[in-house]
Amino acid sequence: MIKIHILDCGSTFVDEALPLSDRSGNPLAFTGIGRKKKHQIEVPVTAYLIEHPDALVLVDTGWDTMIRDNARQYEGFFNYFASPGVLPPGKAVTEHLKQLGFKASDLDYCVLTHMDIDHAGGIRLVRDAKKILASKAELEAAGKVNPRYLRRLWKNIPIEGFPNEETDLLGDGSIRLIPFPGHSAGMTGVKVTGNREFCMIAGDCGYARKSWQDLVLPGITWNRKLALSSLEKLQAYGKDPGCKAILMTHDREFRSGTIEL
């Protein structure tokens, strides 16, 4: 049996136009610039622990506990302005691991769907994982000057790159890394397959069921054409009779709990 633990790692506040970009005619609405507080909504920040018979795999890291002391300093001006985060007590990824009877050094892999701060921001907490992985395309993008990537958070932490193609993590087909470029250059999904069913951990390929069902792009995209293509691919997975769940980082539908495959 494979278990996917959905880890509630706090939340972030964003403009309502960010998750589903068709909600506003203002092309910059997702940034919050010139928008009133009434347009701001809270969305979850989620990480996932895959408890596999042959490996323990963490997908994304959520926020670092440093956000509790000084969120503005931790996130930087751009990130704090666009999406200030909140991390309640007991919600850090390592606090979840402890509650489940694990510690960071027990992790065989930490896979980053991409390296935005709400996905890779807690990397310091799990630096003792045996391997920390991100796609080569994402690592290349994160190495360039861009306010969405805070390189200081993973300074001196070794991150290995995997190919920009479908990758079999364990060699048995049960955990596959699926390219979903568009939101970022190297956005990656994680397909977890049991005996008859699978779940897709889709990161920020979409924000809610409406995203993949109706092909609604999020407000922030690195490449809109690729983002739409990735949503179409995610839609095909979602319509597969064997799909048990599409899990997206900021989707309120799956905020906590455990899925068994």
C-alpha atoms as a PDB file:
ATOM      1  CA  MET A   1       0.000   0.000   0.000  1.00  0.00           C
ATOM      2  CA  ILE A   2       1.088   3.548  -0.766  1.00  0.00           C
ATOM      3  CA  LYS A   3      -0.056   6.422   1.433  1.00  0.00           C
ATOM      4  CA  ILE A   4      -0.091  10.074   0.432  1.00  0.00           C
ATOM      5  CA  HIS A   5      -0.241  12.327   3.477  1.00  0.00           C
ATOM      6  CA  ILE A   6      -1.584  15.776   2.592  1.00  0.00           C
ATOM      7  CA  LEU A   7       0.297  18.212   4.823  1.00  0.00           C
ATOM      8  CA  ASP A   8      -1.419  21.496   5.642  1.00  0.00           C
ATOM      9  CA  CYS A   9       1.537  23.890   5.720  1.00  0.00           C
ATOM     10  CA  GLY A  10      -0.331  27.095   6.417  1.00  0.00           C
ATOM     11  CA  SER A  11      -1.610  29.497   3.815  1.00  0.00           C
ATOM     12  CA  THR A  12      -0.970  32.572   1.737  1.00  0.00           C
ATOM     13  CA  PHE A  13      -3.075  35.603   0.855  1.00  0.00           C
ATOM     14  CA  VAL A  14      -3.434  36.441  -2.836  1.00  0.00           C
ATOM     15  CA  ASP A  15      -5.646  38.526  -5.057  1.00  0.00           C
ATOM     16  CA  GLU A  16      -8.704  36.555  -6.137  1.00  0.00           C
ATOM     17  CA  ALA A  17      -7.596  36.984  -9.770  1.00  0.00           C
ATOM     18  CA  LEU A  18      -4.450  34.913  -9.203  1.00  0.00           C
ATOM     19  CA  PRO A  19      -5.893  31.374  -8.942  1.00  0.00           C
ATOM     20  CA  LEU A  20      -8.326  31.762 -11.859  1.00  0.00           C
ATOM     21  CA  SER A  21      -7.152  34.551 -14.115  1.00  0.00           C
ATOM     22  CA  ASP A  22     -10.494  34.922 -15.905  1.00  0.00           C
ATOM     23  CA  ARG A  23     -12.066  36.500 -12.821  1.00  0.00           C
ATOM     24  CA  SER A  24     -10.878  39.996 -13.667  1.00  0.00           C
ATOM     25  CA  GLY A  25     -10.526  42.055 -16.835  1.00  0.00           C
ATOM     26  CA  ASN A  26      -7.476  43.761 -15.336  1.00  0.00           C
ATOM     27  CA  PRO A  27      -4.394  41.893 -16.626  1.00  0.00           C
ATOM     28  CA  LEU A  28      -2.368  42.965 -13.559  1.00  0.00           C
ATOM     29  CA  ALA A  29      -5.063  42.196 -11.004  1.00  0.00           C
ATOM     30  CA  PHE A  30      -3.245  39.049  -9.847  1.00  0.00           C
ATOM     31  CA  THR A  31      -0.415  41.207  -8.483  1.00  0.00           C
ATOM     32  CA  GLY A  32      -2.766  43.094  -6.155  1.00  0.00           C
ATOM     33  CA  ILE A  33      -1.480  46.423  -7.479  1.00  0.00           C
ATOM     34  CA  GLY A  34      -4.207  49.045  -7.176  1.00  0.00           C
ATOM     35  CA  ARG A  35      -6.642  46.491  -5.790  1.00  0.00           C
ATOM     36  CA  LYS A  36      -8.594  46.777  -2.537  1.00  0.00           C
ATOM     37  CA  LYS A  37      -8.239  44.306   0.329  1.00  0.00           C
ATOM     38  CA  LYS A  38     -11.741  42.973  -0.385  1.00  0.00           C
ATOM     39  CA  HIS A  39     -10.262  41.195  -3.409  1.00  0.00           C
ATOM     40  CA  GLN A  40      -7.716  39.318  -1.300  1.00  0.00           C
ATOM     41  CA  ILE A  41      -8.400  35.671  -0.456  1.00  0.00           C
ATOM     42  CA  GLU A  42      -6.628  33.047   1.618  1.00  0.00           C
ATOM     43  CA  VAL A  43      -5.499  29.839  -0.095  1.00  0.00           C
ATOM     44  CA  PRO A  44      -3.761  26.838   1.449  1.00  0.00           C
ATOM     45  CA  VAL A  45      -0.104  25.957   1.068  1.00  0.00           C
ATOM     46  CA  THR A  46       0.277  22.195   0.902  1.00  0.00           C
ATOM     47  CA  ALA A  47       3.110  19.663   0.844  1.00  0.00           C
ATOM     48  CA  TYR A  48       2.809  15.892   0.434  1.00  0.00           C
ATOM     49  CA  LEU A  49       4.509  12.940   2.064  1.00  0.00           C
ATOM     50  CA  ILE A  50       4.451   9.731   0.027  1.00  0.00           C
ATOM     51  CA  GLU A  51       4.860   6.726   2.295  1.00  0.00           C
ATOM     52  CA  HIS A  52       5.917   4.044  -0.172  1.00  0.00           C
ATOM     53  CA  PRO A  53       7.035   0.505   0.801  1.00  0.00           C
ATOM     54  CA  ASP A  54      10.441   1.234  -0.745  1.00  0.00           C
ATOM     55  CA  ALA A  55      10.937   4.937  -0.063  1.00  0.00           C
ATOM     56  CA  LEU A  56       9.777   7.987   1.852  1.00  0.00           C
ATOM     57  CA  VAL A  57       9.250  10.896  -0.529  1.00  0.00           C
ATOM     58  CA  LEU A  58       8.379  14.482   0.345  1.00  0.00           C
ATOM     59  CA  VAL A  59       6.905  16.665  -2.389  1.00  0.00           C
ATOM     60  CA  ASP A  60       7.545  20.371  -1.731  1.00  0.00           C
ATOM     61  CA  THR A  61       8.432  21.941   1.611  1.00  0.00           C
ATOM     62  CA  GLY A  62       5.936  24.708   2.347  1.00  0.00           C
ATOM     63  CA  TRP A  63       7.136  27.658   4.439  1.00  0.00           C
ATOM     64  CA  ASP A  64      10.185  27.781   6.678  1.00  0.00           C
ATOM     65  CA  THR A  65       9.537  28.473  10.371  1.00  0.00           C
ATOM     66  CA  MET A  66      11.483  31.733   9.840  1.00  0.00           C
ATOM     67  CA  ILE A  67       8.280  33.200   8.416  1.00  0.00           C
ATOM     68  CA  ARG A  68       6.835  33.264  11.937  1.00  0.00           C
ATOM     69  CA  ASP A  69       9.498  35.705  13.131  1.00  0.00           C
ATOM     70  CA  ASN A  70       9.599  38.174  10.244  1.00  0.00           C
ATOM     71  CA  ALA A  71       7.528  37.284   7.182  1.00  0.00           C
ATOM     72  CA  ARG A  72       8.506  40.396   5.243  1.00  0.00           C
ATOM     73  CA  GLN A  73      12.231  39.734   5.667  1.00  0.00           C
ATOM     74  CA  TYR A  74      11.895  36.021   4.933  1.00  0.00           C
ATOM     75  CA  GLU A  75       9.781  36.420   1.781  1.00  0.00           C
ATOM     76  CA  GLY A  76      11.391  39.560   0.399  1.00  0.00           C
ATOM     77  CA  PHE A  77       9.472  42.618  -0.789  1.00  0.00           C
ATOM     78  CA  PHE A  78       8.047  41.215  -4.046  1.00  0.00           C
ATOM     79  CA  ASN A  79       6.825  37.922  -2.601  1.00  0.00           C
ATOM     80  CA  TYR A  80       5.495  39.472   0.601  1.00  0.00           C
ATOM     81  CA  PHE A  81       3.563  42.115  -1.342  1.00  0.00           C
ATOM     82  CA  ALA A  82       2.031  39.640  -3.792  1.00  0.00           C
ATOM     83  CA  SER A  83       1.363  36.717  -1.444  1.00  0.00           C
ATOM     84  CA  PRO A  84       2.128  37.115   2.275  1.00  0.00           C
ATOM     85  CA  GLY A  85       2.302  33.755   3.995  1.00  0.00           C
ATOM     86  CA  VAL A  86       1.136  32.395   7.336  1.00  0.00           C
ATOM     87  CA  LEU A  87       2.519  29.343   9.152  1.00  0.00           C
ATOM     88  CA  PRO A  88       0.577  28.415  12.315  1.00  0.00           C
ATOM     89  CA  PRO A  89       2.199  26.345  15.076  1.00  0.00           C
ATOM     90  CA  GLY A  90       2.473  22.661  14.222  1.00  0.00           C
ATOM     91  CA  LYS A  91       2.124  23.233  10.467  1.00  0.00           C
ATOM     92  CA  ALA A  92       5.775  23.328   9.354  1.00  0.00           C
ATOM     93  CA  VAL A  93       6.745  20.346   7.235  1.00  0.00           C
ATOM     94  CA  THR A  94       9.140  19.008   9.885  1.00  0.00           C
ATOM     95  CA  GLU A  95       6.435  19.359  12.526  1.00  0.00           C
ATOM     96  CA  HIS A  96       4.175  17.233  10.344  1.00  0.00           C
ATOM     97  CA  LEU A  97       6.960  14.679   9.891  1.00  0.00           C
ATOM     98  CA  LYS A  98       7.398  14.445  13.656  1.00  0.00           C
ATOM     99  CA  GLN A  99       3.670  13.917  14.161  1.00  0.00           C
ATOM    100  CA  LEU A 100       3.847  11.031  11.680  1.00  0.00           C
ATOM    101  CA  GLY A 101       6.872   9.509  13.413  1.00  0.00           C
ATOM    102  CA  PHE A 102       9.554  10.661  10.964  1.00  0.00           C
ATOM    103  CA  LYS A 103      12.396  13.153  10.771  1.00  0.00           C
ATOM    104  CA  ALA A 104      14.022  14.897   7.811  1.00  0.00           C
ATOM    105  CA  SER A 105      16.905  12.419   7.633  1.00  0.00           C
ATOM    106  CA  ASP A 106      14.362   9.613   7.048  1.00  0.00           C
ATOM    107  CA  LEU A 107      13.421  11.152   3.710  1.00  0.00           C
ATOM    108  CA  ASP A 108      14.838   9.276   0.738  1.00  0.00           C
ATOM    109  CA  TYR A 109      13.801  12.099  -1.575  1.00  0.00           C
ATOM    110  CA  CYS A 110      12.468  15.618  -1.405  1.00  0.00           C
ATOM    111  CA  VAL A 111      11.055  16.492  -4.827  1.00  0.00           C
ATOM    112  CA  LEU A 112      10.351  20.167  -5.585  1.00  0.00           C
ATOM    113  CA  THR A 113       7.544  20.715  -8.078  1.00  0.00           C
ATOM    114  CA  HIS A 114       9.177  24.098  -8.674  1.00  0.00           C
ATOM    115  CA  MET A 115      11.168  26.604  -6.665  1.00  0.00           C
ATOM    116  CA  ASP A 116       8.777  29.406  -5.788  1.00  0.00           C
ATOM    117  CA  ILE A 117       9.041  30.353  -2.133  1.00  0.00           C
ATOM    118  CA  ASP A 118       5.836  28.628  -1.014  1.00  0.00           C
ATOM    119  CA  HIS A 119       7.112  25.350  -2.486  1.00  0.00           C
ATOM    120  CA  ALA A 120      10.860  25.461  -1.809  1.00  0.00           C
ATOM    121  CA  GLY A 121      10.909  28.000   1.014  1.00  0.00           C
ATOM    122  CA  GLY A 122      11.229  25.352   3.738  1.00  0.00           C
ATOM    123  CA  ILE A 123      14.136  23.549   2.116  1.00  0.00           C
ATOM    124  CA  ARG A 124      16.428  24.394   5.049  1.00  0.00           C
ATOM    125  CA  LEU A 125      14.187  22.338   7.330  1.00  0.00           C
ATOM    126  CA  VAL A 126      14.694  19.167   5.258  1.00  0.00           C
ATOM    127  CA  ARG A 127      18.302  19.655   4.203  1.00  0.00           C
ATOM    128  CA  ASP A 128      19.120  16.281   5.831  1.00  0.00           C
ATOM    129  CA  ALA A 129      17.008  14.394   3.267  1.00  0.00           C
ATOM    130  CA  LYS A 130      19.110  11.880   1.348  1.00  0.00           C
ATOM    131  CA  LYS A 131      18.379  13.597  -1.976  1.00  0.00           C
ATOM    132  CA  ILE A 132      16.714  16.899  -2.853  1.00  0.00           C
ATOM    133  CA  LEU A 133      15.553  17.083  -6.454  1.00  0.00           C
ATOM    134  CA  ALA A 134      14.207  19.611  -8.965  1.00  0.00           C
ATOM    135  CA  SER A 135      14.027  19.528 -12.734  1.00  0.00           C
ATOM    136  CA  LYS A 136      17.065  20.776 -14.637  1.00  0.00           C
ATOM    137  CA  ALA A 137      14.901  23.413 -16.327  1.00  0.00           C
ATOM    138  CA  GLU A 138      13.737  24.739 -12.959  1.00  0.00           C
ATOM    139  CA  LEU A 139      17.264  24.802 -11.542  1.00  0.00           C
ATOM    140  CA  GLU A 140      18.449  26.736 -14.574  1.00  0.00           C
ATOM    141  CA  ALA A 141      15.616  29.259 -14.229  1.00  0.00           C
ATOM    142  CA  ALA A 142      16.175  29.600 -10.483  1.00  0.00           C
ATOM    143  CA  GLY A 143      19.831  30.415 -11.102  1.00  0.00           C
ATOM    144  CA  LYS A 144      18.908  33.603 -12.951  1.00  0.00           C
ATOM    145  CA  VAL A 145      17.933  36.942 -11.449  1.00  0.00           C
ATOM    146  CA  ASN A 146      14.198  36.796 -10.825  1.00  0.00           C
ATOM    147  CA  PRO A 147      12.297  38.073  -7.758  1.00  0.00           C
ATOM    148  CA  ARG A 148      10.201  34.895  -7.583  1.00  0.00           C
ATOM    149  CA  TYR A 149      13.321  32.842  -6.782  1.00  0.00           C
ATOM    150  CA  LEU A 150      15.098  33.526  -3.477  1.00  0.00           C
ATOM    151  CA  ARG A 151      18.423  31.763  -3.951  1.00  0.00           C
ATOM    152  CA  ARG A 152      19.525  32.618  -0.417  1.00  0.00           C
ATOM    153  CA  LEU A 153      17.028  30.067   0.912  1.00  0.00           C
ATOM    154  CA  TRP A 154      18.830  27.119  -0.671  1.00  0.00           C
ATOM    155  CA  LYS A 155      22.374  28.470  -0.541  1.00  0.00           C
ATOM    156  CA  ASN A 156      24.830  25.635   0.263  1.00  0.00           C
ATOM    157  CA  ILE A 157      22.054  23.040   0.054  1.00  0.00           C
ATOM    158  CA  PRO A 158      22.760  20.502  -2.699  1.00  0.00           C
ATOM    159  CA  ILE A 159      19.872  20.111  -5.141  1.00  0.00           C
ATOM    160  CA  GLU A 160      20.180  17.510  -7.885  1.00  0.00           C
ATOM    161  CA  GLY A 161      18.566  18.030 -11.273  1.00  0.00           C
ATOM    162  CA  PHE A 162      16.504  15.381 -13.032  1.00  0.00           C
ATOM    163  CA  PRO A 163      15.851  15.352 -16.817  1.00  0.00           C
ATOM    164  CA  ASN A 164      13.181  17.591 -18.341  1.00  0.00           C
ATOM    165  CA  GLU A 165      11.181  14.544 -19.337  1.00  0.00           C
ATOM    166  CA  GLU A 166       9.016  11.920 -17.675  1.00  0.00           C
ATOM    167  CA  THR A 167      11.204  10.251 -15.058  1.00  0.00           C
ATOM    168  CA  ASP A 168      10.644   7.024 -13.119  1.00  0.00           C
ATOM    169  CA  LEU A 169      11.852   7.939  -9.640  1.00  0.00           C
ATOM    170  CA  LEU A 170      12.047   4.452  -8.099  1.00  0.00           C
ATOM    171  CA  GLY A 171      12.376   2.400 -11.273  1.00  0.00           C
ATOM    172  CA  ASP A 172       9.093   0.520 -10.808  1.00  0.00           C
ATOM    173  CA  GLY A 173       6.614   2.987 -12.330  1.00  0.00           C
ATOM    174  CA  SER A 174       4.929   3.789  -9.012  1.00  0.00           C
ATOM    175  CA  ILE A 175       6.257   7.352  -8.709  1.00  0.00           C
ATOM    176  CA  ARG A 176       6.779   9.233 -11.949  1.00  0.00           C
ATOM    177  CA  LEU A 177       7.900  12.839 -12.367  1.00  0.00           C
ATOM    178  CA  ILE A 178       5.824  14.499 -15.102  1.00  0.00           C
ATOM    179  CA  PRO A 179       6.807  17.784 -16.802  1.00  0.00           C
ATOM    180  CA  PHE A 180       4.113  20.474 -16.552  1.00  0.00           C
ATOM    181  CA  PRO A 181       5.970  23.609 -17.758  1.00  0.00           C
ATOM    182  CA  GLY A 182       4.161  26.908 -18.021  1.00  0.00           C
ATOM    183  CA  HIS A 183       3.644  28.311 -14.547  1.00  0.00           C
ATOM    184  CA  SER A 184       7.421  28.079 -14.318  1.00  0.00           C
ATOM    185  CA  ALA A 185      10.069  26.768 -16.693  1.00  0.00           C
ATOM    186  CA  GLY A 186      10.453  23.459 -14.884  1.00  0.00           C
ATOM    187  CA  MET A 187       7.119  22.883 -13.138  1.00  0.00           C
ATOM    188  CA  THR A 188       6.822  19.177 -12.393  1.00  0.00           C
ATOM    189  CA  GLY A 189       3.959  16.938 -11.334  1.00  0.00           C
ATOM    190  CA  VAL A 190       4.307  13.695  -9.401  1.00  0.00           C
ATOM    191  CA  LYS A 191       2.139  10.764 -10.480  1.00  0.00           C
ATOM    192  CA  VAL A 192       1.731   8.187  -7.702  1.00  0.00           C
ATOM    193  CA  THR A 193       0.302   4.847  -8.828  1.00  0.00           C
ATOM    194  CA  GLY A 194      -1.015   1.983  -6.709  1.00  0.00           C
ATOM    195  CA  ASN A 195      -2.519  -1.289  -7.918  1.00  0.00           C
ATOM    196  CA  ARG A 196      -5.451   0.151  -9.871  1.00  0.00           C
ATOM    197  CA  GLU A 197      -5.568   3.870  -9.162  1.00  0.00           C
ATOM    198  CA  PHE A 198      -3.284   6.875  -9.249  1.00  0.00           C
ATOM    199  CA  CYS A 199      -3.073  10.382  -7.842  1.00  0.00           C
ATOM    200  CA  MET A 200      -1.434  13.319  -9.552  1.00  0.00           C
ATOM    201  CA  ILE A 201       0.344  15.889  -7.394  1.00  0.00           C
ATOM    202  CA  ALA A 202       0.230  18.845  -9.772  1.00  0.00           C
ATOM    203  CA  GLY A 203       1.864  21.720  -7.886  1.00  0.00           C
ATOM    204  CA  ASP A 204       0.806  25.026  -9.443  1.00  0.00           C
ATOM    205  CA  CYS A 205      -0.201  23.606 -12.819  1.00  0.00           C
ATOM    206  CA  GLY A 206      -3.622  24.722 -11.597  1.00  0.00           C
ATOM    207  CA  TYR A 207      -5.223  26.085  -8.433  1.00  0.00           C
ATOM    208  CA  ALA A 208      -8.531  24.248  -8.246  1.00  0.00           C
ATOM    209  CA  ARG A 209     -10.673  21.618  -9.976  1.00  0.00           C
ATOM    210  CA  LYS A 210     -12.018  24.364 -12.253  1.00  0.00           C
ATOM    211  CA  SER A 211      -8.484  24.949 -13.499  1.00  0.00           C
ATOM    212  CA  TRP A 212      -8.104  21.596 -15.217  1.00  0.00           C
ATOM    213  CA  GLN A 213     -11.762  20.905 -15.911  1.00  0.00           C
ATOM    214  CA  ASP A 214     -12.331  24.226 -17.699  1.00  0.00           C
ATOM    215  CA  LEU A 215      -8.693  24.932 -18.695  1.00  0.00           C
ATOM    216  CA  VAL A 216      -8.470  28.189 -16.732  1.00  0.00           C
ATOM    217  CA  LEU A 217      -4.913  29.479 -16.456  1.00  0.00           C
ATOM    218  CA  PRO A 218      -3.594  30.956 -13.202  1.00  0.00           C
ATOM    219  CA  GLY A 219      -2.647  34.631 -13.125  1.00  0.00           C
ATOM    220  CA  ILE A 220       1.088  33.957 -13.061  1.00  0.00           C
ATOM    221  CA  THR A 221       2.524  32.038 -15.990  1.00  0.00           C
ATOM    222  CA  TRP A 222       6.072  31.905 -17.312  1.00  0.00           C
ATOM    223  CA  ASN A 223       4.740  30.772 -20.698  1.00  0.00           C
ATOM    224  CA  ARG A 224       0.981  30.864 -21.336  1.00  0.00           C
ATOM    225  CA  LYS A 225       1.093  28.513 -24.324  1.00  0.00           C
ATOM    226  CA  LEU A 226       2.997  25.861 -22.372  1.00  0.00           C
ATOM    227  CA  ALA A 227       0.792  26.457 -19.313  1.00  0.00           C
ATOM    228  CA  LEU A 228      -2.324  25.733 -21.369  1.00  0.00           C
ATOM    229  CA  SER A 229      -0.729  22.620 -22.864  1.00  0.00           C
ATOM    230  CA  SER A 230       0.137  21.402 -19.367  1.00  0.00           C
ATOM    231  CA  LEU A 231      -3.438  22.029 -18.184  1.00  0.00           C
ATOM    232  CA  GLU A 232      -4.713  20.019 -21.131  1.00  0.00           C
ATOM    233  CA  LYS A 233      -2.403  17.181 -20.126  1.00  0.00           C
ATOM    234  CA  LEU A 234      -3.591  17.458 -16.526  1.00  0.00           C
ATOM    235  CA  GLN A 235      -7.197  17.403 -17.747  1.00  0.00           C
ATOM    236  CA  ALA A 236      -6.532  14.120 -19.551  1.00  0.00           C
ATOM    237  CA  TYR A 237      -5.159  12.626 -16.339  1.00  0.00           C
ATOM    238  CA  GLY A 238      -8.162  13.930 -14.410  1.00  0.00           C
ATOM    239  CA  LYS A 239     -10.604  12.272 -16.821  1.00  0.00           C
ATOM    240  CA  ASP A 240      -8.829   8.920 -16.608  1.00  0.00           C
ATOM    241  CA  PRO A 241     -11.108   6.427 -14.756  1.00  0.00           C
ATOM    242  CA  GLY A 242      -8.118   5.358 -12.678  1.00  0.00           C
ATOM    243  CA  CYS A 243      -7.489   8.869 -11.322  1.00  0.00           C
ATOM    244  CA  LYS A 244      -8.367   9.028  -7.635  1.00  0.00           C
ATOM    245  CA  ALA A 245      -7.417  12.678  -7.113  1.00  0.00           C
ATOM    246  CA  ILE A 246      -5.704  15.666  -8.673  1.00  0.00           C
ATOM    247  CA  LEU A 247      -3.822  17.374  -5.852  1.00  0.00           C
ATOM    248  CA  MET A 248      -2.846  21.030  -6.305  1.00  0.00           C
ATOM    249  CA  THR A 249      -0.912  23.030  -3.756  1.00  0.00           C
ATOM    250  CA  HIS A 250      -3.458  25.809  -3.273  1.00  0.00           C
ATOM    251  CA  ASP A 251      -6.673  23.832  -3.734  1.00  0.00           C
ATOM    252  CA  ARG A 252      -9.093  24.027  -0.803  1.00  0.00           C
ATOM    253  CA  GLU A 253     -10.664  20.709  -1.829  1.00  0.00           C
ATOM    254  CA  PHE A 254      -7.707  18.653  -0.567  1.00  0.00           C
ATOM    255  CA  ARG A 255      -6.176  20.531   2.357  1.00  0.00           C
ATOM    256  CA  SER A 256      -5.392  17.636   4.706  1.00  0.00           C
ATOM    257  CA  GLY A 257      -5.889  13.926   5.217  1.00  0.00           C
ATOM    258  CA  THR A 258      -4.389  10.720   3.807  1.00  0.00           C
ATOM    259  CA  ILE A 259      -5.081   8.989   0.496  1.00  0.00           C
ATOM    260  CA  GLU A 260      -4.350   5.268   0.195  1.00  0.00           C
ATOM    261  CA  LEU A 261      -3.515   3.578  -3.091  1.00  0.00           C
END
